[in-house]
Amino acid sequence: MGAVTAGVGVPRTVSAGKYSWDEVNSPSSSVLYDATMTQEGPYAVGASGDVLARRIDGWKKVLDKGPTVKSNPLRSCDVTSDGRHVWFAGGSGVIGQYDVVEEKVTDYSAPKGKTSTWEAIAAVGQADNERVSLVNGSGEFLTGTKTSEGGMEWSNVIKPGGGSSAKGIDFLDKKIGYICDTTSKVYETTDGGNSWSTIGLSGSGSVALYGITAVSQDRIYVTGGDGSIFRYNGAVWTKTDAGGTILYDIEWNNGKGLAGGGSGNLFDYRKHQGWNSESTPTSATFRGVALDTTGKFPSVAVGSSGTILERGFYTATKPKDNELLIDGSRGSGERIEYLVEVDGAIEKSPRCEDDERVTVDIHEGSTARGYVKGFIDDFRFSGSINKVAVTSGNPNEIYAIVNGDLISIKDESGTSN
C-alpha cells in the first residue's frame, strides 16, 4: 500500500468556464443525499424517500416515500452502465430500482434480512443484467446480480474492513471495486467482492473518508472529512487540500471531475489544471454531485434543505416529436426481428411487447431492437432515423411508417423492400 505524499497544494478559485453554477427550484425541502446522471438527465435522492428527476421543464418528484412507501431516507444512488436503471438505497435496509424509460419502480429492500442503513450503492452492467453492490454503517458489504426473472440473487454479507463504517463504494466492472471507510482505509477487490485487500491510506492520520470514484486501477480519487482529495496511482497516494471543509462526494466522467461538500464548496477538475474551487451562490452543504460531459444535460450538486445547483442547460430533445410504426400485421404471421437506429432519442409505447429493448449511447443516439409477429410496434422518437433493418425473417413481410409515410427497410444483405 502506498503512503500519502504532499499534493499540489490548495486549489485555485477560477471562473466556471462557459457556464456558472446557479441555484434552481427544487420540489423537495428535505436534504438530498446523492445524485447520478442517467440517459434522460440527472436524478437525485434524499430524505423521506424522495426521488427527483430533471425534466426538460425543471425538477420533478417521481417518488416521495421511496420504494417501500414508508418514507425511509435514501442515502445513495447510482445508475447502470447504459443509464437506464437508477438504483438507490438507505434507511431500514431499503433498496429500489427506477427504470427511467418505463418510469417504473421496483422494491428490493431488506435483502438477506438486512435492515440497517445502506450508506452507499454502486451499479455496473447493462439494465436487466446489472450487478449491484452496497455497504452500510457496520462495514458490511453485499452484492447481487439481476436474474432473468427480474429478481436479485444476493451473495453472503462480508466485512472487508472488519466492521468500520463504510461511506463510499465504486466498481470499475463486475469484478474490480473499491470501498472507503471512516478509519482512513480504502479496500480493493478483483473478484467481485469475495475477497478484499487494503490499499491505503498509509500516513494520512485519522481522516474519515466519504466519497470514492474509480477511473481505473491506477487512478482512484477519495474525499476526506478534512476537505482533502486523495489520488491513488496504483502505488502511491497523493493529497490535495481543498478548502478545509468536509467533502462528501466525488465523480469522474470522460476526463472531468467534480467534488462537493460543506459550506457550498465545489471543486472541478480540469486537465492540466488539477482541482479548482468553483464559485457557488450558496453556503449549503453538498452531499452529492453528478457530471454531464455530453452538453445535453446540466451537471448538478445537491444537498441540504433540498438545494440543487446546476451548471449548463437541458438541451436534449425529448422522444415525442415523431411516430414510427413497425407494421407486421399484413404478413404471414412469422416472427420478424428488427433494428432501428436514430441519432436522437427513442421510446416504445405500451403497444410494444416487453421483449422490445431500447438502448442509448449518449454520444451516438438510440437503438431499438424488437420483433413483430402479425402485429404492430409503436415508437416515438426525436432526431433522424439512420436505419431500419430486418435482422431475422423476411423484410417483405413488414412495413416501416414514419408520421404516416412509408420508409425503406434494409435486410441483412442491404436490400430494400
Protein backbone atom coordinates (compact mmCIF):
# COMPACT_ATOMS: atom_id res chain seq x y z
CA MET A 1 0.00 0.00 0.00
CA GLY A 2 1.27 3.49 -0.79
CA ALA A 3 1.91 6.26 1.69
CA VAL A 4 0.29 9.67 1.32
CA THR A 5 2.62 12.30 -0.10
CA ALA A 6 2.19 16.04 -0.49
CA GLY A 7 -0.16 17.12 -3.25
CA VAL A 8 -0.30 20.17 -5.45
CA GLY A 9 -1.46 22.49 -2.70
CA VAL A 10 -4.68 24.41 -2.26
CA PRO A 11 -6.74 24.53 -5.49
CA ARG A 12 -7.20 27.89 -7.13
CA THR A 13 -10.54 29.66 -7.38
CA VAL A 14 -11.30 30.18 -11.05
CA SER A 15 -14.27 31.04 -13.21
CA ALA A 16 -16.59 28.14 -14.01
CA GLY A 17 -15.76 28.35 -17.70
CA LYS A 18 -18.60 28.54 -20.17
CA TYR A 19 -21.36 28.28 -17.55
CA SER A 20 -21.71 29.29 -13.91
CA TRP A 21 -23.38 27.40 -11.06
CA ASP A 22 -26.96 28.56 -10.49
CA GLU A 23 -29.47 27.54 -7.85
CA VAL A 24 -32.72 26.20 -9.35
CA ASN A 25 -36.17 25.43 -7.98
CA SER A 26 -36.38 22.16 -6.06
CA PRO A 27 -39.56 20.14 -5.44
CA SER A 28 -38.13 18.97 -2.09
CA SER A 29 -37.25 20.81 1.10
CA SER A 30 -35.55 17.75 2.61
CA VAL A 31 -31.82 17.07 2.44
CA LEU A 32 -30.76 15.49 -0.84
CA TYR A 33 -28.02 12.94 -0.23
CA ASP A 34 -26.88 11.91 -3.69
CA ALA A 35 -27.23 12.43 -7.43
CA THR A 36 -26.47 10.47 -10.61
CA MET A 37 -26.59 11.06 -14.36
CA THR A 38 -28.95 8.87 -16.45
CA GLN A 39 -29.69 8.61 -20.15
CA GLU A 40 -32.58 11.05 -19.54
CA GLY A 41 -30.71 13.50 -17.35
CA PRO A 42 -29.78 13.86 -13.66
CA TYR A 43 -31.66 12.19 -10.80
CA ALA A 44 -31.33 12.88 -7.07
CA VAL A 45 -32.41 11.08 -3.89
CA GLY A 46 -32.89 12.18 -0.31
CA ALA A 47 -34.67 12.17 3.00
CA SER A 48 -38.28 10.97 3.28
CA GLY A 49 -37.73 8.68 0.31
CA ASP A 50 -37.62 11.47 -2.26
CA VAL A 51 -36.51 10.59 -5.80
CA LEU A 52 -36.23 13.60 -8.11
CA ALA A 53 -35.76 13.72 -11.88
CA ARG A 54 -34.64 16.64 -14.04
CA ARG A 55 -37.17 17.05 -16.85
CA ILE A 56 -36.97 19.50 -19.73
CA ASP A 57 -39.14 21.95 -17.74
CA GLY A 58 -37.36 21.54 -14.40
CA TRP A 59 -37.06 19.13 -11.48
CA LYS A 60 -39.97 16.82 -10.67
CA LYS A 61 -40.57 14.43 -7.79
CA VAL A 62 -41.09 10.91 -9.18
CA LEU A 63 -41.18 9.21 -5.74
CA ASP A 64 -41.92 10.87 -2.41
CA LYS A 65 -41.94 7.92 0.01
CA GLY A 66 -39.37 5.58 -1.52
CA PRO A 67 -39.94 2.08 -2.91
CA THR A 68 -41.46 0.78 0.35
CA VAL A 69 -43.80 3.81 0.69
CA LYS A 70 -42.54 4.25 4.26
CA SER A 71 -40.54 7.45 3.75
CA ASN A 72 -37.21 5.84 4.64
CA PRO A 73 -34.36 8.23 3.80
CA LEU A 74 -32.40 7.40 0.65
CA ARG A 75 -28.68 7.88 1.23
CA SER A 76 -27.11 6.92 -2.09
CA CYS A 77 -27.84 6.29 -5.76
CA ASP A 78 -26.11 5.03 -8.89
CA VAL A 79 -27.08 4.11 -12.43
CA THR A 80 -26.44 1.14 -14.73
CA SER A 81 -23.83 1.45 -17.46
CA ASP A 82 -26.48 2.27 -20.09
CA GLY A 83 -28.01 4.98 -17.91
CA ARG A 84 -31.42 3.30 -17.71
CA HIS A 85 -31.85 1.85 -14.20
CA VAL A 86 -31.32 4.17 -11.24
CA TRP A 87 -30.55 2.20 -8.06
CA PHE A 88 -30.94 3.79 -4.62
CA ALA A 89 -30.61 2.64 -1.02
CA GLY A 90 -30.89 3.96 2.52
CA GLY A 91 -32.57 3.59 5.90
CA SER A 92 -34.12 0.37 7.24
CA GLY A 93 -32.44 -1.67 4.52
CA VAL A 94 -34.40 -0.01 1.72
CA ILE A 95 -33.21 -0.71 -1.84
CA GLY A 96 -35.04 0.28 -5.01
CA GLN A 97 -34.64 0.44 -8.76
CA TYR A 98 -36.26 3.04 -11.02
CA ASP A 99 -36.49 2.48 -14.78
CA VAL A 100 -36.14 5.97 -16.30
CA VAL A 101 -37.63 4.85 -19.63
CA GLU A 102 -40.68 2.98 -18.35
CA GLU A 103 -40.93 5.23 -15.24
CA LYS A 104 -41.43 2.18 -13.04
CA VAL A 105 -40.09 1.46 -9.53
CA THR A 106 -39.16 -2.00 -8.19
CA ASP A 107 -38.58 -2.74 -4.49
CA TYR A 108 -35.63 -4.96 -3.47
CA SER A 109 -35.47 -3.89 0.18
CA ALA A 110 -34.03 -5.87 3.13
CA PRO A 111 -32.00 -8.47 1.18
CA LYS A 112 -30.73 -11.32 3.36
CA GLY A 113 -32.90 -9.80 6.09
CA LYS A 114 -30.58 -6.78 6.42
CA THR A 115 -32.48 -3.74 7.68
CA SER A 116 -29.61 -1.47 8.74
CA THR A 117 -28.92 1.73 6.80
CA TRP A 118 -27.17 1.32 3.47
CA GLU A 119 -24.67 4.17 3.15
CA ALA A 120 -23.56 3.72 -0.47
CA ILE A 121 -24.50 1.79 -3.59
CA ALA A 122 -22.76 1.03 -6.92
CA ALA A 123 -24.26 -0.43 -10.11
CA VAL A 124 -22.41 -1.83 -13.14
CA GLY A 125 -23.54 -3.57 -16.32
CA GLN A 126 -26.48 -3.02 -18.66
CA ALA A 127 -30.04 -2.71 -17.37
CA ASP A 128 -31.59 -6.13 -16.63
CA ASN A 129 -28.10 -7.66 -16.45
CA GLU A 130 -26.66 -5.41 -13.75
CA ARG A 131 -24.61 -6.15 -10.66
CA VAL A 132 -25.38 -4.01 -7.61
CA SER A 133 -23.13 -3.62 -4.56
CA LEU A 134 -23.80 -1.91 -1.22
CA VAL A 135 -22.09 -1.03 2.07
CA ASN A 136 -23.57 0.01 5.41
CA GLY A 137 -22.61 1.76 8.61
CA SER A 138 -21.46 -1.52 10.14
CA GLY A 139 -18.89 -2.01 7.41
CA GLU A 140 -20.88 -4.78 5.76
CA PHE A 141 -20.66 -5.41 2.01
CA LEU A 142 -23.40 -7.06 -0.04
CA THR A 143 -23.59 -7.66 -3.78
CA GLY A 144 -26.32 -9.02 -6.02
CA THR A 145 -26.93 -9.83 -9.69
CA LYS A 146 -30.17 -9.39 -11.62
CA THR A 147 -31.84 -12.68 -12.57
CA SER A 148 -33.63 -13.42 -15.84
CA GLU A 149 -36.94 -13.22 -13.97
CA GLY A 150 -36.18 -9.68 -12.76
CA GLY A 151 -35.27 -10.59 -9.19
CA MET A 152 -31.92 -10.25 -7.45
CA GLU A 153 -29.60 -13.07 -6.44
CA TRP A 154 -27.74 -11.80 -3.37
CA SER A 155 -24.38 -13.04 -2.09
CA ASN A 156 -23.38 -13.56 1.53
CA VAL A 157 -22.67 -10.47 3.63
CA ILE A 158 -18.99 -9.87 4.46
CA LYS A 159 -16.98 -7.14 6.27
CA PRO A 160 -13.98 -6.00 4.17
CA GLY A 161 -12.71 -3.72 6.97
CA GLY A 162 -13.76 -5.76 9.96
CA GLY A 163 -16.71 -3.54 10.87
CA SER A 164 -15.59 0.06 10.36
CA SER A 165 -18.33 2.29 8.95
CA ALA A 166 -18.10 2.34 5.15
CA LYS A 167 -19.27 5.50 3.39
CA GLY A 168 -18.20 5.12 -0.25
CA ILE A 169 -18.19 2.42 -2.92
CA ASP A 170 -17.42 2.28 -6.63
CA PHE A 171 -16.86 -0.53 -9.14
CA LEU A 172 -14.99 -0.39 -12.45
CA ASP A 173 -16.73 -3.53 -13.69
CA LYS A 174 -18.35 -6.62 -12.18
CA LYS A 175 -15.05 -7.79 -10.69
CA ILE A 176 -12.95 -4.77 -9.70
CA GLY A 177 -14.26 -2.46 -6.99
CA TYR A 178 -13.31 -0.16 -4.11
CA ILE A 179 -14.66 0.82 -0.68
CA CYS A 180 -13.59 3.62 1.67
CA ASP A 181 -14.43 3.95 5.37
CA THR A 182 -14.21 6.32 8.31
CA THR A 183 -10.87 4.92 9.53
CA SER A 184 -8.83 6.22 6.56
CA LYS A 185 -8.93 2.84 4.83
CA VAL A 186 -9.50 2.02 1.16
CA TYR A 187 -10.14 -1.58 0.12
CA GLU A 188 -9.87 -3.21 -3.31
CA THR A 189 -11.48 -6.37 -4.70
CA THR A 190 -10.62 -8.01 -8.02
CA ASP A 191 -13.00 -10.97 -7.71
CA GLY A 192 -16.39 -9.26 -7.39
CA GLY A 193 -16.25 -8.81 -3.62
CA ASN A 194 -15.35 -12.30 -2.43
CA SER A 195 -12.03 -11.05 -1.05
CA TRP A 196 -10.59 -7.62 -0.28
CA SER A 197 -7.14 -6.10 0.28
CA THR A 198 -6.22 -2.80 1.92
CA ILE A 199 -4.53 -0.34 -0.46
CA GLY A 200 -4.40 2.78 1.73
CA LEU A 201 -4.30 5.31 3.19
CA SER A 202 -0.98 4.91 4.96
CA GLY A 203 0.31 8.08 6.60
CA SER A 204 -2.94 10.05 6.32
CA GLY A 205 -3.66 10.26 10.04
CA SER A 206 -7.23 9.52 11.13
CA VAL A 207 -9.18 11.36 8.44
CA ALA A 208 -12.58 9.85 7.68
CA LEU A 209 -13.21 9.04 4.02
CA TYR A 210 -16.59 9.62 2.39
CA GLY A 211 -16.63 9.66 -1.41
CA ILE A 212 -14.77 7.48 -3.89
CA THR A 213 -14.60 7.26 -7.67
CA ALA A 214 -12.54 4.75 -9.62
CA VAL A 215 -11.38 5.75 -13.09
CA SER A 216 -9.01 2.78 -13.44
CA GLN A 217 -6.91 0.60 -11.15
CA ASP A 218 -4.18 3.24 -11.25
CA ARG A 219 -6.43 6.31 -10.99
CA ILE A 220 -8.69 6.42 -7.91
CA TYR A 221 -9.95 9.51 -6.08
CA VAL A 222 -11.22 9.65 -2.49
CA THR A 223 -12.57 12.59 -0.46
CA GLY A 224 -11.98 13.19 3.23
CA GLY A 225 -13.58 14.76 6.26
CA ASP A 226 -10.71 17.27 6.45
CA GLY A 227 -11.50 18.67 3.00
CA SER A 228 -8.79 16.69 1.21
CA ILE A 229 -8.90 14.92 -2.15
CA PHE A 230 -6.64 11.86 -2.28
CA ARG A 231 -5.45 10.26 -5.53
CA TYR A 232 -4.06 6.74 -5.93
CA ASN A 233 -1.86 5.95 -8.94
CA GLY A 234 -1.65 2.21 -8.34
CA ALA A 235 1.25 2.52 -5.90
CA VAL A 236 1.22 5.85 -4.03
CA TRP A 237 -1.46 8.13 -2.62
CA THR A 238 -1.12 11.91 -3.02
CA LYS A 239 -3.13 14.52 -1.17
CA THR A 240 -4.64 17.81 -2.32
CA ASP A 241 -6.04 20.20 0.29
CA ALA A 242 -9.36 21.53 -0.95
CA GLY A 243 -10.78 24.22 1.28
CA GLY A 244 -10.71 22.64 4.73
CA THR A 245 -14.38 21.63 4.93
CA ILE A 246 -15.68 18.07 4.64
CA LEU A 247 -16.09 16.68 1.11
CA TYR A 248 -18.88 14.12 0.80
CA ASP A 249 -18.93 13.12 -2.85
CA ILE A 250 -16.70 12.95 -5.91
CA GLU A 251 -17.42 11.93 -9.51
CA TRP A 252 -15.35 11.39 -12.65
CA ASN A 253 -16.58 11.18 -16.21
CA ASN A 254 -14.73 11.35 -19.51
CA GLY A 255 -11.69 13.16 -18.18
CA LYS A 256 -13.56 15.58 -15.92
CA GLY A 257 -14.06 15.54 -12.17
CA LEU A 258 -16.37 17.18 -9.63
CA ALA A 259 -16.36 17.07 -5.81
CA GLY A 260 -18.71 18.68 -3.30
CA GLY A 261 -19.07 19.19 0.42
CA GLY A 262 -19.65 21.65 3.24
CA SER A 263 -20.01 25.46 3.14
CA GLY A 264 -21.09 25.49 -0.52
CA ASN A 265 -17.77 24.09 -1.68
CA LEU A 266 -17.49 22.57 -5.15
CA PHE A 267 -14.23 21.58 -6.82
CA ASP A 268 -13.86 21.00 -10.53
CA TYR A 269 -11.05 19.00 -12.15
CA ARG A 270 -9.67 20.14 -15.49
CA LYS A 271 -6.86 18.65 -17.50
CA HIS A 272 -3.51 20.39 -16.92
CA GLN A 273 -5.09 22.50 -14.15
CA GLY A 274 -5.96 19.99 -11.44
CA TRP A 275 -8.67 20.64 -8.85
CA ASN A 276 -10.06 24.16 -8.79
CA SER A 277 -12.53 25.81 -6.40
CA GLU A 278 -15.81 26.80 -8.08
CA SER A 279 -17.83 29.90 -7.26
CA THR A 280 -21.28 28.96 -5.92
CA PRO A 281 -24.27 31.11 -4.87
CA THR A 282 -24.95 29.27 -1.59
CA SER A 283 -23.30 28.03 1.60
CA ALA A 284 -25.40 24.86 1.61
CA THR A 285 -23.71 21.53 2.28
CA PHE A 286 -23.48 19.47 -0.89
CA ARG A 287 -23.96 15.74 -0.36
CA GLY A 288 -24.00 14.53 -3.95
CA VAL A 289 -22.77 15.61 -7.38
CA ALA A 290 -23.37 14.35 -10.93
CA LEU A 291 -21.39 15.24 -14.06
CA ASP A 292 -22.59 15.65 -17.62
CA THR A 293 -19.96 15.64 -20.37
CA THR A 294 -22.32 15.50 -23.37
CA GLY A 295 -23.76 19.02 -23.36
CA LYS A 296 -27.28 17.54 -23.24
CA PHE A 297 -27.93 17.99 -19.52
CA PRO A 298 -26.71 20.20 -16.69
CA SER A 299 -24.17 18.95 -14.17
CA VAL A 300 -25.67 19.12 -10.68
CA ALA A 301 -24.83 19.41 -6.99
CA VAL A 302 -27.47 18.60 -4.36
CA GLY A 303 -27.59 18.93 -0.61
CA SER A 304 -29.15 20.46 2.48
CA SER A 305 -32.78 21.68 2.52
CA GLY A 306 -33.35 20.30 -0.98
CA THR A 307 -30.77 22.63 -2.53
CA ILE A 308 -30.00 21.97 -6.20
CA LEU A 309 -27.31 23.76 -8.19
CA GLU A 310 -26.91 23.34 -11.94
CA ARG A 311 -24.13 24.16 -14.38
CA GLY A 312 -25.22 24.07 -18.01
CA PHE A 313 -28.62 23.53 -19.59
CA TYR A 314 -31.08 20.81 -20.54
CA THR A 315 -30.74 20.68 -24.34
CA ALA A 316 -31.70 17.05 -25.05
CA THR A 317 -34.59 16.56 -27.42
CA LYS A 318 -37.36 14.52 -25.89
CA PRO A 319 -38.53 11.45 -27.90
CA LYS A 320 -42.01 12.83 -28.54
CA ASP A 321 -41.65 14.53 -31.91
CA ASN A 322 -42.21 11.72 -34.42
CA GLU A 323 -44.02 8.39 -34.63
CA LEU A 324 -42.51 5.21 -36.08
CA LEU A 325 -44.68 2.15 -36.70
CA ILE A 326 -43.16 -1.28 -37.41
CA ASP A 327 -46.15 -2.99 -39.03
CA GLY A 328 -46.22 -6.76 -39.37
CA SER A 329 -50.00 -7.08 -39.32
CA ARG A 330 -50.28 -7.74 -43.07
CA GLY A 331 -47.67 -10.50 -43.20
CA SER A 332 -47.94 -14.27 -42.78
CA GLY A 333 -47.51 -14.08 -39.01
CA GLU A 334 -43.91 -15.29 -38.92
CA ARG A 335 -41.59 -13.76 -36.32
CA ILE A 336 -39.55 -10.95 -37.85
CA GLU A 337 -36.81 -9.29 -35.79
CA TYR A 338 -35.78 -5.71 -36.50
CA LEU A 339 -33.32 -2.97 -35.58
CA VAL A 340 -33.96 0.79 -35.54
CA GLU A 341 -31.19 3.37 -35.14
CA VAL A 342 -31.83 7.10 -34.63
CA ASP A 343 -29.44 9.97 -33.97
CA GLY A 344 -31.72 11.34 -31.25
CA ALA A 345 -33.86 9.61 -28.63
CA ILE A 346 -36.45 6.85 -28.94
CA GLU A 347 -39.01 5.33 -26.59
CA LYS A 348 -41.51 2.50 -27.01
CA SER A 349 -45.25 2.86 -26.42
CA PRO A 350 -47.37 0.49 -24.29
CA ARG A 351 -48.29 -1.15 -27.59
CA CYS A 352 -44.87 -2.83 -27.70
CA GLU A 353 -44.11 -6.17 -26.06
CA ASP A 354 -41.88 -6.39 -23.01
CA ASP A 355 -39.24 -8.07 -25.21
CA GLU A 356 -38.64 -4.85 -27.12
CA ARG A 357 -35.50 -3.10 -25.90
CA VAL A 358 -34.26 0.47 -26.29
CA THR A 359 -30.61 1.28 -25.59
CA VAL A 360 -28.97 4.67 -25.62
CA ASP A 361 -25.44 5.80 -26.39
CA ILE A 362 -25.38 9.41 -25.27
CA HIS A 363 -22.65 10.13 -27.82
CA GLU A 364 -24.22 8.34 -30.81
CA GLY A 365 -28.01 8.17 -30.36
CA SER A 366 -30.52 5.42 -29.61
CA THR A 367 -31.19 1.90 -30.85
CA ALA A 368 -34.41 -0.13 -30.60
CA ARG A 369 -34.48 -3.89 -31.08
CA GLY A 370 -37.65 -5.94 -31.23
CA TYR A 371 -39.84 -8.25 -33.25
CA VAL A 372 -43.28 -8.41 -34.82
CA LYS A 373 -45.37 -11.50 -35.36
CA GLY A 374 -48.54 -10.41 -37.08
CA PHE A 375 -48.92 -7.13 -35.19
CA ILE A 376 -47.63 -3.52 -34.91
CA ASP A 377 -44.95 -1.95 -32.71
CA ASP A 378 -45.18 1.76 -31.99
CA PHE A 379 -42.31 4.13 -31.11
CA ARG A 380 -41.86 7.86 -30.54
CA PHE A 381 -38.52 9.39 -31.49
CA SER A 382 -36.60 12.63 -31.99
CA GLY A 383 -33.87 13.44 -34.47
CA SER A 384 -33.49 11.44 -37.69
CA ILE A 385 -33.69 7.73 -38.44
CA ASN A 386 -30.34 6.35 -39.52
CA LYS A 387 -31.52 2.84 -40.27
CA VAL A 388 -34.43 0.42 -40.06
CA ALA A 389 -33.31 -3.15 -40.76
CA VAL A 390 -34.66 -6.67 -40.51
CA THR A 391 -32.17 -8.82 -38.61
CA SER A 392 -34.15 -12.08 -38.83
CA GLY A 393 -37.07 -13.05 -41.08
CA ASN A 394 -38.49 -11.73 -44.33
CA PRO A 395 -38.20 -7.94 -44.82
CA ASN A 396 -41.01 -8.06 -47.35
CA GLU A 397 -43.46 -9.02 -44.59
CA ILE A 398 -43.24 -5.76 -42.59
CA TYR A 399 -43.54 -2.03 -43.19
CA ALA A 400 -41.84 0.93 -41.51
CA ILE A 401 -44.05 4.03 -41.34
CA VAL A 402 -42.85 7.44 -40.09
CA ASN A 403 -45.57 10.02 -39.45
CA GLY A 404 -47.79 8.25 -41.99
CA ASP A 405 -45.14 7.81 -44.71
CA LEU A 406 -43.54 4.51 -45.73
CA ILE A 407 -39.76 4.32 -45.46
CA SER A 408 -37.40 1.63 -46.70
CA ILE A 409 -36.32 -1.33 -44.61
CA LYS A 410 -32.95 -2.99 -45.14
CA ASP A 411 -32.40 -6.70 -44.88
CA GLU A 412 -29.16 -8.23 -43.62
CA SER A 413 -27.61 -8.01 -47.11
CA GLY A 414 -28.66 -4.36 -47.51
CA THR A 415 -31.55 -4.80 -49.97
CA SER A 416 -34.77 -2.80 -49.62
CA ASN A 417 -38.38 -3.98 -49.65
